[in-house]
Amino acid sequence: MSVLFCNNNSMSAITSVPSGVGGGSMNLISTQTASSSSTVSFTSGIDSTYKEYIFKFYDIHPATDNTYLTFQADTGTNTNYNQTITSSFFKSLHNESGGTSALSYDTSSDLAQSTSFQHLSRNVGNDNDQSIAGTLHIFDPSNTTFVKHFIATTNVYTSDDYSIASFVAGYFNTTTALTRFQFKMESGNIDSGIIKLYGIS
C-alpha cells in the first residue's frame, strides 16, 4: 500500500488533491437567509446532477414560541407542497437541571400517507438564545423508478430549557422527480436563520 502525499506542505495551501484519493464531497448549491420569513423555498438546483442532497440548518430561530420546523416537497414547477409522506419520528431529551431525560417514539410527529408538512424538530423556544440546528438528507430525488427517502437529525433548545434531539426518517410516496423543497415553522415566521443546500458527489 502506497502513501499519498499532498502537493503542498501546509494544509491551508493545498491547491490540488493527490491522485488516488477517492470519496465524495459536499458541493454548495445555494444559501438562503431567513428574516421574518413565512417560508424558505429551494426551487432550483435539485435535479439529476447528484444522487444525494443535504440541507443544513444553522440557528433557525422562530418568531413564535414553542413551535416546530417542518418541510415538504413538490414536483416540476408545482408549488402546492403536498406530496404524500410516510415517516417515523423519535426523540431523546435532557433538561438543564439534569433531572429529566428520556428516549421515546413520537406519534404526534410521524406521518402515514399524509400530504401534511413533516416535522423536522420538536418544539423550539423563541428566547433570544434558542434555536434549531440540524441536517436533512434527500436521496435520489430525480429517480423515476423508486420512492424518495429522507433522513433528518435536529437539535432544539426549548422554552423550558431542554435539549431535544429528533431523529426523522421516511419517504415521499411518488416515483415522480422531486424538484423543490419548502421549509416553514408550524406556526408563525422563521425570525432568523440560515439554510444551505449541498449536492453530494
Foldseek 3Di string as FASTA:
>chain_A
DDDFDFPDPDPVPGDDDTPPDDDKDWAFDDKDKDAQAQKDKDQADDAQPFQKKKKWWFFFAFPDAFWFKWKAFDADNDDPRFFFKFKWKKKWKAFPVRPDIDTGTDPVQGHDRGRDTGTQFGTAGRDPPWGKTWMKMWGRQQALPAWIKMWIWMWTQHPRGMIMIMIMIITGPHSHHTRMMMMHIPDGGRNIIMMIMIGMD
